[in-house]
N, C-alpha and C. Protein backbone atom coordinates (compact mmCIF):
# COMPACT_ATOMS: atom_id res chain seq x y z
N MET A 1 27.86 2.90 2.27
CA MET A 1 27.45 4.21 2.73
C MET A 1 26.45 4.06 3.87
N LYS A 2 26.55 4.93 4.83
CA LYS A 2 25.67 4.89 5.98
C LYS A 2 24.22 5.12 5.57
N ILE A 3 23.96 6.06 4.68
CA ILE A 3 22.61 6.37 4.26
C ILE A 3 21.99 5.18 3.53
N SER A 4 22.74 4.52 2.67
CA SER A 4 22.21 3.37 1.92
C SER A 4 21.80 2.25 2.86
N ARG A 5 22.63 1.95 3.88
CA ARG A 5 22.26 0.91 4.83
C ARG A 5 21.01 1.28 5.59
N HIS A 6 20.89 2.56 5.95
CA HIS A 6 19.70 3.03 6.66
C HIS A 6 18.46 2.82 5.80
N ILE A 7 18.52 3.16 4.54
CA ILE A 7 17.38 3.00 3.64
C ILE A 7 17.01 1.53 3.51
N LEU A 8 18.01 0.63 3.40
CA LEU A 8 17.72 -0.79 3.29
C LEU A 8 17.02 -1.32 4.54
N VAL A 9 17.49 -0.90 5.72
CA VAL A 9 16.87 -1.34 6.96
C VAL A 9 15.43 -0.82 7.04
N VAL A 10 15.22 0.44 6.69
CA VAL A 10 13.89 1.03 6.72
C VAL A 10 12.97 0.31 5.74
N CYS A 11 13.47 0.01 4.55
CA CYS A 11 12.66 -0.71 3.56
C CYS A 11 12.28 -2.09 4.07
N ALA A 12 13.20 -2.78 4.72
CA ALA A 12 12.90 -4.10 5.27
C ALA A 12 11.81 -4.01 6.33
N VAL A 13 11.87 -2.99 7.18
CA VAL A 13 10.85 -2.79 8.20
C VAL A 13 9.50 -2.49 7.55
N THR A 14 9.51 -1.67 6.51
CA THR A 14 8.27 -1.33 5.80
C THR A 14 7.64 -2.57 5.19
N VAL A 15 8.45 -3.43 4.58
CA VAL A 15 7.93 -4.66 3.98
C VAL A 15 7.35 -5.55 5.07
N ALA A 16 8.02 -5.66 6.20
CA ALA A 16 7.51 -6.50 7.30
C ALA A 16 6.18 -5.96 7.82
N ALA A 17 6.06 -4.64 7.95
CA ALA A 17 4.81 -4.05 8.42
C ALA A 17 3.70 -4.29 7.42
N SER A 18 4.01 -4.15 6.16
CA SER A 18 3.00 -4.37 5.13
C SER A 18 2.56 -5.83 5.10
N ALA A 19 3.49 -6.75 5.31
CA ALA A 19 3.17 -8.17 5.29
C ALA A 19 2.19 -8.53 6.39
N ALA A 20 2.25 -7.82 7.50
CA ALA A 20 1.33 -8.10 8.61
C ALA A 20 -0.11 -7.80 8.22
N VAL A 21 -0.30 -6.92 7.23
CA VAL A 21 -1.63 -6.55 6.78
C VAL A 21 -2.19 -7.56 5.79
N ALA A 22 -1.35 -8.20 5.04
CA ALA A 22 -1.82 -9.10 3.97
C ALA A 22 -2.59 -10.27 4.55
N GLN A 23 -3.71 -10.59 3.91
CA GLN A 23 -4.50 -11.73 4.36
C GLN A 23 -4.38 -12.89 3.39
N GLN A 24 -3.59 -12.73 2.36
CA GLN A 24 -3.43 -13.81 1.38
C GLN A 24 -1.97 -13.85 0.96
N SER A 25 -1.43 -15.07 0.85
CA SER A 25 -0.05 -15.19 0.40
C SER A 25 0.02 -14.91 -1.09
N GLY A 26 1.22 -14.72 -1.58
CA GLY A 26 1.42 -14.48 -3.00
C GLY A 26 1.50 -13.02 -3.35
N ILE A 27 1.32 -12.11 -2.40
CA ILE A 27 1.46 -10.69 -2.66
C ILE A 27 2.93 -10.33 -2.55
N LYS A 28 3.45 -9.71 -3.59
CA LYS A 28 4.86 -9.30 -3.61
C LYS A 28 4.92 -7.80 -3.41
N ARG A 29 5.69 -7.37 -2.42
CA ARG A 29 5.87 -5.94 -2.15
C ARG A 29 7.32 -5.56 -2.38
N THR A 30 7.52 -4.47 -3.10
CA THR A 30 8.86 -3.98 -3.36
C THR A 30 8.95 -2.53 -2.90
N PRO A 31 9.61 -2.27 -1.77
CA PRO A 31 9.79 -0.88 -1.34
C PRO A 31 10.74 -0.18 -2.31
N LEU A 32 10.41 1.04 -2.67
CA LEU A 32 11.24 1.79 -3.61
C LEU A 32 12.03 2.90 -2.92
N GLN A 33 11.37 3.62 -2.03
CA GLN A 33 12.05 4.76 -1.41
C GLN A 33 11.34 5.13 -0.12
N LYS A 34 12.09 5.65 0.83
CA LYS A 34 11.52 6.16 2.07
C LYS A 34 12.31 7.40 2.46
N ILE A 35 11.58 8.49 2.72
CA ILE A 35 12.23 9.71 3.19
C ILE A 35 11.45 10.27 4.37
N GLU A 36 12.13 10.87 5.29
CA GLU A 36 11.48 11.49 6.44
C GLU A 36 11.13 12.93 6.07
N PHE A 37 9.93 13.07 5.54
CA PHE A 37 9.42 14.37 5.10
C PHE A 37 7.94 14.24 4.87
N PRO A 38 7.12 15.21 5.22
CA PRO A 38 7.44 16.43 5.94
C PRO A 38 7.72 16.16 7.41
N ASP A 39 8.00 17.19 8.17
CA ASP A 39 8.36 17.06 9.57
C ASP A 39 7.31 16.24 10.32
N GLY A 40 7.78 15.18 11.00
CA GLY A 40 6.89 14.32 11.77
C GLY A 40 6.28 13.18 10.96
N TYR A 41 6.55 13.15 9.67
CA TYR A 41 5.99 12.13 8.79
C TYR A 41 7.10 11.43 8.02
N VAL A 42 6.74 10.30 7.46
CA VAL A 42 7.63 9.59 6.55
C VAL A 42 6.85 9.35 5.27
N THR A 43 7.53 9.54 4.14
CA THR A 43 6.92 9.31 2.83
C THR A 43 7.55 8.05 2.25
N VAL A 44 6.70 7.07 1.94
CA VAL A 44 7.16 5.77 1.45
C VAL A 44 6.55 5.52 0.09
N SER A 45 7.36 5.05 -0.86
CA SER A 45 6.81 4.63 -2.16
C SER A 45 7.16 3.16 -2.37
N GLY A 46 6.27 2.46 -3.06
CA GLY A 46 6.52 1.05 -3.29
C GLY A 46 5.60 0.46 -4.34
N LEU A 47 5.93 -0.75 -4.74
CA LEU A 47 5.12 -1.52 -5.69
C LEU A 47 4.48 -2.69 -4.96
N ALA A 48 3.26 -3.01 -5.35
CA ALA A 48 2.59 -4.22 -4.84
C ALA A 48 2.09 -4.99 -6.05
N GLU A 49 2.41 -6.28 -6.06
CA GLU A 49 1.96 -7.17 -7.13
C GLU A 49 1.07 -8.22 -6.50
N LEU A 50 -0.18 -8.28 -6.96
CA LEU A 50 -1.18 -9.20 -6.41
C LEU A 50 -1.50 -10.27 -7.45
N PRO A 51 -1.61 -11.51 -7.00
CA PRO A 51 -1.95 -12.60 -7.94
C PRO A 51 -3.43 -12.55 -8.31
N PRO A 52 -3.83 -13.28 -9.33
CA PRO A 52 -5.26 -13.36 -9.66
C PRO A 52 -6.06 -13.76 -8.43
N GLY A 53 -7.14 -13.04 -8.17
CA GLY A 53 -7.98 -13.32 -7.02
C GLY A 53 -7.43 -12.81 -5.70
N GLY A 54 -6.26 -12.20 -5.71
CA GLY A 54 -5.62 -11.73 -4.48
C GLY A 54 -6.29 -10.50 -3.89
N ASN A 55 -6.11 -10.33 -2.59
CA ASN A 55 -6.57 -9.10 -1.95
C ASN A 55 -5.59 -8.71 -0.85
N ILE A 56 -5.57 -7.43 -0.56
CA ILE A 56 -4.65 -6.88 0.43
C ILE A 56 -5.14 -7.18 1.85
N GLY A 57 -6.43 -7.07 2.08
CA GLY A 57 -6.98 -7.22 3.43
C GLY A 57 -7.34 -5.85 4.01
N ARG A 58 -8.42 -5.79 4.77
CA ARG A 58 -8.87 -4.52 5.34
C ARG A 58 -7.85 -4.00 6.34
N HIS A 59 -7.49 -2.72 6.18
CA HIS A 59 -6.48 -2.12 7.04
C HIS A 59 -6.57 -0.59 6.96
N THR A 60 -5.78 0.07 7.81
CA THR A 60 -5.68 1.53 7.80
C THR A 60 -4.21 1.92 7.80
N HIS A 61 -3.97 3.20 7.47
CA HIS A 61 -2.63 3.81 7.59
C HIS A 61 -2.78 5.12 8.37
N PRO A 62 -1.75 5.51 9.13
CA PRO A 62 -1.83 6.76 9.88
C PRO A 62 -1.43 7.96 9.01
N GLY A 63 -1.95 7.98 7.81
CA GLY A 63 -1.67 9.05 6.85
C GLY A 63 -2.29 8.70 5.52
N ILE A 64 -2.10 9.55 4.56
CA ILE A 64 -2.72 9.40 3.24
C ILE A 64 -1.99 8.35 2.40
N GLU A 65 -2.76 7.67 1.54
CA GLU A 65 -2.20 6.77 0.54
C GLU A 65 -2.72 7.22 -0.82
N THR A 66 -1.86 7.26 -1.79
CA THR A 66 -2.26 7.54 -3.16
C THR A 66 -1.57 6.53 -4.06
N GLY A 67 -2.23 6.12 -5.11
CA GLY A 67 -1.63 5.09 -5.95
C GLY A 67 -2.10 5.14 -7.38
N TYR A 68 -1.45 4.30 -8.18
CA TYR A 68 -1.69 4.22 -9.62
C TYR A 68 -1.62 2.76 -10.02
N LEU A 69 -2.67 2.27 -10.68
CA LEU A 69 -2.70 0.88 -11.12
C LEU A 69 -1.91 0.76 -12.43
N LEU A 70 -0.79 0.05 -12.36
CA LEU A 70 0.08 -0.12 -13.52
C LEU A 70 -0.42 -1.21 -14.46
N GLU A 71 -0.91 -2.30 -13.88
CA GLU A 71 -1.37 -3.45 -14.66
C GLU A 71 -2.58 -4.07 -14.00
N GLY A 72 -3.45 -4.69 -14.81
CA GLY A 72 -4.56 -5.45 -14.29
C GLY A 72 -5.77 -4.61 -13.94
N GLU A 73 -6.65 -5.23 -13.16
CA GLU A 73 -7.88 -4.59 -12.68
C GLU A 73 -8.07 -4.94 -11.21
N ALA A 74 -8.67 -4.02 -10.47
CA ALA A 74 -8.91 -4.26 -9.05
C ALA A 74 -10.16 -3.52 -8.61
N VAL A 75 -10.74 -4.00 -7.53
CA VAL A 75 -11.85 -3.30 -6.89
C VAL A 75 -11.30 -2.70 -5.60
N MET A 76 -11.36 -1.38 -5.48
CA MET A 76 -10.89 -0.66 -4.30
C MET A 76 -12.10 -0.39 -3.42
N SER A 77 -12.06 -0.88 -2.19
CA SER A 77 -13.13 -0.65 -1.22
C SER A 77 -12.60 0.30 -0.16
N ILE A 78 -13.23 1.46 -0.06
CA ILE A 78 -12.86 2.47 0.93
C ILE A 78 -14.10 2.75 1.76
N ASP A 79 -14.02 2.51 3.07
CA ASP A 79 -15.20 2.70 3.93
C ASP A 79 -15.80 4.09 3.71
N GLY A 80 -17.14 4.12 3.59
CA GLY A 80 -17.84 5.37 3.40
C GLY A 80 -17.98 5.79 1.95
N GLU A 81 -17.40 5.01 1.03
CA GLU A 81 -17.48 5.32 -0.40
C GLU A 81 -17.94 4.07 -1.15
N PRO A 82 -18.57 4.27 -2.32
CA PRO A 82 -18.90 3.09 -3.12
C PRO A 82 -17.62 2.44 -3.64
N ASP A 83 -17.65 1.12 -3.83
CA ASP A 83 -16.49 0.43 -4.39
C ASP A 83 -16.12 1.05 -5.74
N LYS A 84 -14.81 1.07 -6.03
CA LYS A 84 -14.33 1.62 -7.29
C LYS A 84 -13.65 0.52 -8.09
N HIS A 85 -14.09 0.35 -9.34
CA HIS A 85 -13.44 -0.61 -10.23
C HIS A 85 -12.31 0.13 -10.94
N LEU A 86 -11.08 -0.29 -10.64
CA LEU A 86 -9.90 0.35 -11.22
C LEU A 86 -9.30 -0.54 -12.31
N LYS A 87 -8.82 0.09 -13.35
CA LYS A 87 -8.10 -0.64 -14.41
C LYS A 87 -6.77 0.07 -14.63
N ALA A 88 -5.86 -0.59 -15.33
CA ALA A 88 -4.54 -0.01 -15.59
C ALA A 88 -4.70 1.43 -16.08
N GLY A 89 -3.94 2.33 -15.46
CA GLY A 89 -4.00 3.75 -15.80
C GLY A 89 -4.84 4.57 -14.85
N ASP A 90 -5.61 3.92 -13.97
CA ASP A 90 -6.43 4.64 -12.99
C ASP A 90 -5.62 4.91 -11.72
N SER A 91 -5.99 6.00 -11.04
CA SER A 91 -5.34 6.33 -9.77
C SER A 91 -6.40 6.40 -8.68
N TYR A 92 -5.93 6.45 -7.44
CA TYR A 92 -6.84 6.50 -6.29
C TYR A 92 -6.18 7.27 -5.16
N VAL A 93 -7.00 7.71 -4.19
CA VAL A 93 -6.53 8.38 -2.98
C VAL A 93 -7.33 7.83 -1.81
N ILE A 94 -6.63 7.51 -0.72
CA ILE A 94 -7.29 7.03 0.49
C ILE A 94 -6.92 7.98 1.63
N PRO A 95 -7.91 8.60 2.25
CA PRO A 95 -7.63 9.53 3.35
C PRO A 95 -7.00 8.81 4.56
N ALA A 96 -6.32 9.56 5.37
CA ALA A 96 -5.66 9.04 6.57
C ALA A 96 -6.67 8.36 7.49
N GLY A 97 -6.30 7.18 7.99
CA GLY A 97 -7.08 6.48 8.99
C GLY A 97 -8.34 5.78 8.49
N VAL A 98 -8.61 5.83 7.19
CA VAL A 98 -9.83 5.22 6.65
C VAL A 98 -9.56 3.75 6.29
N VAL A 99 -10.48 2.88 6.70
CA VAL A 99 -10.37 1.45 6.41
C VAL A 99 -10.55 1.22 4.91
N HIS A 100 -9.68 0.39 4.35
CA HIS A 100 -9.76 0.11 2.92
C HIS A 100 -9.21 -1.28 2.61
N ASP A 101 -9.50 -1.74 1.38
CA ASP A 101 -9.05 -3.04 0.89
C ASP A 101 -9.01 -2.95 -0.63
N ALA A 102 -8.21 -3.79 -1.25
CA ALA A 102 -8.17 -3.88 -2.71
C ALA A 102 -8.17 -5.36 -3.08
N LYS A 103 -9.00 -5.70 -4.07
CA LYS A 103 -9.12 -7.08 -4.52
C LYS A 103 -8.93 -7.12 -6.02
N VAL A 104 -8.13 -8.07 -6.48
CA VAL A 104 -7.90 -8.23 -7.91
C VAL A 104 -9.19 -8.67 -8.58
N HIS A 105 -9.47 -8.07 -9.71
CA HIS A 105 -10.67 -8.38 -10.49
C HIS A 105 -10.21 -8.98 -11.82
N GLY A 106 -10.85 -10.04 -12.24
CA GLY A 106 -10.50 -10.66 -13.50
C GLY A 106 -9.53 -11.82 -13.33
N ASP A 107 -9.06 -12.32 -14.46
CA ASP A 107 -8.22 -13.53 -14.48
C ASP A 107 -6.73 -13.26 -14.33
N ASN A 108 -6.34 -12.01 -14.40
CA ASN A 108 -4.91 -11.66 -14.30
C ASN A 108 -4.62 -11.03 -12.95
N GLY A 109 -3.36 -10.95 -12.61
CA GLY A 109 -2.95 -10.27 -11.39
C GLY A 109 -3.01 -8.76 -11.60
N ALA A 110 -2.57 -8.02 -10.60
CA ALA A 110 -2.54 -6.56 -10.67
C ALA A 110 -1.23 -6.04 -10.09
N LYS A 111 -0.79 -4.90 -10.59
CA LYS A 111 0.44 -4.27 -10.11
C LYS A 111 0.13 -2.80 -9.83
N VAL A 112 0.46 -2.36 -8.61
CA VAL A 112 0.15 -1.01 -8.16
C VAL A 112 1.41 -0.31 -7.68
N MET A 113 1.55 0.97 -8.02
CA MET A 113 2.61 1.82 -7.47
C MET A 113 1.90 2.76 -6.50
N ALA A 114 2.33 2.76 -5.24
CA ALA A 114 1.65 3.57 -4.22
C ALA A 114 2.65 4.43 -3.45
N VAL A 115 2.12 5.52 -2.90
CA VAL A 115 2.90 6.43 -2.05
C VAL A 115 2.07 6.68 -0.79
N TRP A 116 2.71 6.54 0.35
CA TRP A 116 2.09 6.80 1.64
C TRP A 116 2.83 7.94 2.32
N VAL A 117 2.10 8.86 2.93
CA VAL A 117 2.68 9.91 3.77
C VAL A 117 2.06 9.70 5.14
N VAL A 118 2.84 9.08 6.05
CA VAL A 118 2.29 8.61 7.32
C VAL A 118 3.04 9.18 8.52
N ASP A 119 2.32 9.25 9.62
CA ASP A 119 2.88 9.68 10.91
C ASP A 119 3.97 8.69 11.29
N LYS A 120 5.19 9.18 11.44
CA LYS A 120 6.31 8.27 11.68
C LYS A 120 6.33 7.70 13.10
N THR A 121 5.46 8.18 13.99
CA THR A 121 5.44 7.66 15.36
C THR A 121 4.44 6.52 15.52
N LYS A 122 3.72 6.19 14.44
CA LYS A 122 2.69 5.15 14.51
C LYS A 122 3.04 4.00 13.59
N PRO A 123 2.44 2.82 13.81
CA PRO A 123 2.67 1.70 12.90
C PRO A 123 2.27 2.08 11.47
N PHE A 124 3.02 1.60 10.50
CA PHE A 124 2.77 1.90 9.09
C PHE A 124 1.37 1.48 8.65
N ALA A 125 0.92 0.31 9.11
CA ALA A 125 -0.40 -0.19 8.74
C ALA A 125 -0.97 -0.98 9.93
N SER A 126 -2.29 -0.94 10.05
CA SER A 126 -2.97 -1.69 11.11
C SER A 126 -4.11 -2.48 10.50
N PRO A 127 -4.10 -3.82 10.68
CA PRO A 127 -5.19 -4.63 10.15
C PRO A 127 -6.51 -4.34 10.86
N VAL A 128 -7.61 -4.50 10.12
CA VAL A 128 -8.96 -4.29 10.65
C VAL A 128 -9.80 -5.50 10.29
N LYS A 129 -10.59 -5.99 11.23
CA LYS A 129 -11.45 -7.15 10.97
C LYS A 129 -12.70 -6.74 10.23
């Protein structure tokens, strides 16, 4: 089907863009769905699995990110806010364009389900030093 191939290509591009943000190997990203909605934006959902001690790396998105920690514990750092210690069952929201990072806390890895609603004319993620 034409639509299925389009979704696979878009998911591959999303994974590649996300990989550019990662500062540590061992992070597994699984794109789940991508739809062009609302007008001018794309909504992407996916899973991220981080190894013990792993971190995503400081970056921004051209839209909102919201997520839910499925497994493990992590420290979410969002510029302008105090760090948040998240455990399985906790959710978070990151405003558009705000620098953020997530680091696994404890001896186990972490698994997150996230949704991004981003401006489709801009890169999905941009690393920040």
